[in-house]
Amino acid sequence: QVQLVESGGGLVQAGGSLRLSCAASGRSFSGYIMGWFRQAPGKEREFVASIRWTSRIITYADSVKGRFTISRDNAKNTVYLQMNSLKPEDTAVYYCAAGLDAYGYWGRGTQVTVSS
């Protein structure tokens, strides 16, 4: 059974940093795309960043380019999202997702709150 478990969220002041982790288990993720999404109160879930497990092809939303970095550790089966220069508008629940052609697996999310 595939499990994605996020951690690392919390409360941080604007300009600060957080690193989110997504521990993946239950199968081999070779060939999978791993993504981070977020959902702010009253808004739709939006794409943040993604990385292909094997090829390491990386994509970012324009709103986080230059501030966020996605990476993965094969040995730990973990995907990270390093978030720097955080802004109040980054406040949201952040979700890890995995899939081949579509994101079929989702974690439960971790709350990130950025105070001004």
Protein backbone atom coordinates (compact mmCIF):
# COMPACT_ATOMS: atom_id res chain seq x y z
CA GLN A 1 0.00 0.00 0.00
CA VAL A 2 1.44 3.32 -1.07
CA GLN A 3 1.88 5.88 1.68
CA LEU A 4 3.05 9.46 1.43
CA VAL A 5 3.68 11.16 4.74
CA GLU A 6 4.51 14.86 4.88
CA SER A 7 6.34 16.58 7.71
CA GLY A 8 8.20 19.79 8.42
CA GLY A 9 5.40 22.30 8.37
CA GLY A 10 5.00 24.99 11.00
CA LEU A 11 4.80 28.67 11.76
CA VAL A 12 7.51 30.97 10.42
CA GLN A 13 7.93 34.69 9.97
CA ALA A 14 7.99 36.26 6.54
CA GLY A 15 11.44 35.92 5.02
CA GLY A 16 12.11 32.70 6.89
CA SER A 17 12.65 29.16 5.67
CA LEU A 18 11.16 25.72 6.12
CA ARG A 19 11.98 22.33 4.67
CA LEU A 20 9.15 19.93 4.01
CA SER A 21 9.72 16.20 3.70
CA CYS A 22 7.61 13.54 2.03
CA ALA A 23 8.42 9.98 3.05
CA ALA A 24 7.20 7.58 0.37
CA SER A 25 6.67 3.86 0.91
CA GLY A 26 4.78 0.88 -0.42
CA ARG A 27 6.33 0.44 -3.87
CA SER A 28 9.17 1.42 -6.13
CA PHE A 29 8.76 4.98 -7.38
CA SER A 30 11.10 4.57 -10.32
CA GLY A 31 9.54 6.41 -13.25
CA TYR A 32 7.09 8.24 -11.03
CA ILE A 33 6.64 11.97 -10.86
CA MET A 34 6.60 13.35 -7.32
CA GLY A 35 4.87 16.64 -6.72
CA TRP A 36 4.12 19.23 -4.10
CA PHE A 37 0.79 21.04 -4.11
CA ARG A 38 -0.76 23.52 -1.72
CA GLN A 39 -4.20 24.70 -0.78
CA ALA A 40 -4.88 27.96 1.01
CA PRO A 41 -8.17 28.60 2.85
CA GLY A 42 -10.95 29.33 0.39
CA LYS A 43 -8.78 28.57 -2.62
CA GLU A 44 -8.31 25.64 -4.95
CA ARG A 45 -5.38 23.31 -4.64
CA GLU A 46 -2.48 24.52 -6.78
CA PHE A 47 0.70 23.02 -8.15
CA VAL A 48 3.96 24.05 -6.48
CA ALA A 49 6.76 21.85 -7.82
CA SER A 50 7.50 18.42 -9.21
CA ILE A 51 10.44 16.11 -9.82
CA ARG A 52 10.65 12.93 -11.83
CA TRP A 53 12.08 10.22 -9.63
CA THR A 54 14.41 8.77 -12.28
CA SER A 55 15.28 11.60 -14.64
CA ARG A 56 15.20 14.38 -12.05
CA ILE A 57 13.34 16.66 -14.45
CA ILE A 58 12.08 19.51 -12.27
CA THR A 59 9.21 21.96 -12.72
CA TYR A 60 8.15 24.91 -10.55
CA ALA A 61 5.15 27.15 -10.38
CA ASP A 62 6.05 30.72 -11.33
CA SER A 63 5.04 31.92 -7.88
CA VAL A 64 7.80 29.92 -6.17
CA LYS A 65 10.62 29.97 -8.74
CA GLY A 66 13.86 31.14 -7.21
CA ARG A 67 12.57 30.62 -3.66
CA PHE A 68 11.64 26.93 -3.44
CA THR A 69 13.79 23.92 -4.31
CA ILE A 70 12.52 20.38 -4.76
CA SER A 71 14.85 17.42 -4.40
CA ARG A 72 14.75 13.72 -3.61
CA ASP A 73 16.87 11.20 -1.75
CA ASN A 74 16.72 7.75 -3.34
CA ALA A 75 18.21 5.98 -0.36
CA LYS A 76 15.59 7.42 1.99
CA ASN A 77 12.71 7.32 -0.52
CA THR A 78 12.02 10.90 0.47
CA VAL A 79 11.20 14.05 -1.47
CA TYR A 80 11.99 17.46 -0.03
CA LEU A 81 10.74 20.97 -0.59
CA GLN A 82 13.13 23.63 0.65
CA MET A 83 11.23 26.88 1.00
CA ASN A 84 13.16 30.13 1.41
CA SER A 85 12.10 33.78 1.49
CA LEU A 86 8.66 32.74 2.60
CA LYS A 87 5.78 35.16 2.16
CA PRO A 88 2.40 35.34 3.92
CA GLU A 89 0.78 34.25 0.66
CA ASP A 90 2.66 30.95 0.92
CA THR A 91 0.43 30.06 3.86
CA ALA A 92 -1.40 26.84 2.99
CA VAL A 93 -1.64 23.13 3.60
CA TYR A 94 1.10 21.51 1.55
CA TYR A 95 0.49 18.10 0.02
CA CYS A 96 2.85 15.53 -1.44
CA ALA A 97 1.61 13.56 -4.44
CA ALA A 98 2.90 10.77 -6.67
CA GLY A 99 1.89 9.17 -9.93
CA LEU A 100 2.86 8.04 -13.40
CA ASP A 101 0.72 10.01 -15.86
CA ALA A 102 -1.50 11.52 -13.19
CA TYR A 103 -1.17 12.03 -9.45
CA GLY A 104 -2.88 8.96 -8.06
CA TYR A 105 -1.43 9.04 -4.57
CA TRP A 106 -1.69 11.85 -2.05
CA GLY A 107 -0.49 12.52 1.45
CA ARG A 108 -2.60 14.10 4.17
CA GLY A 109 -0.77 17.39 4.11
CA THR A 110 1.23 19.58 6.46
CA GLN A 111 0.31 23.12 7.49
CA VAL A 112 2.63 26.00 6.66
CA THR A 113 1.80 29.38 8.17
CA VAL A 114 3.84 32.47 7.33
CA SER A 115 3.26 35.48 9.56
CA SER A 116 3.84 39.03 8.38
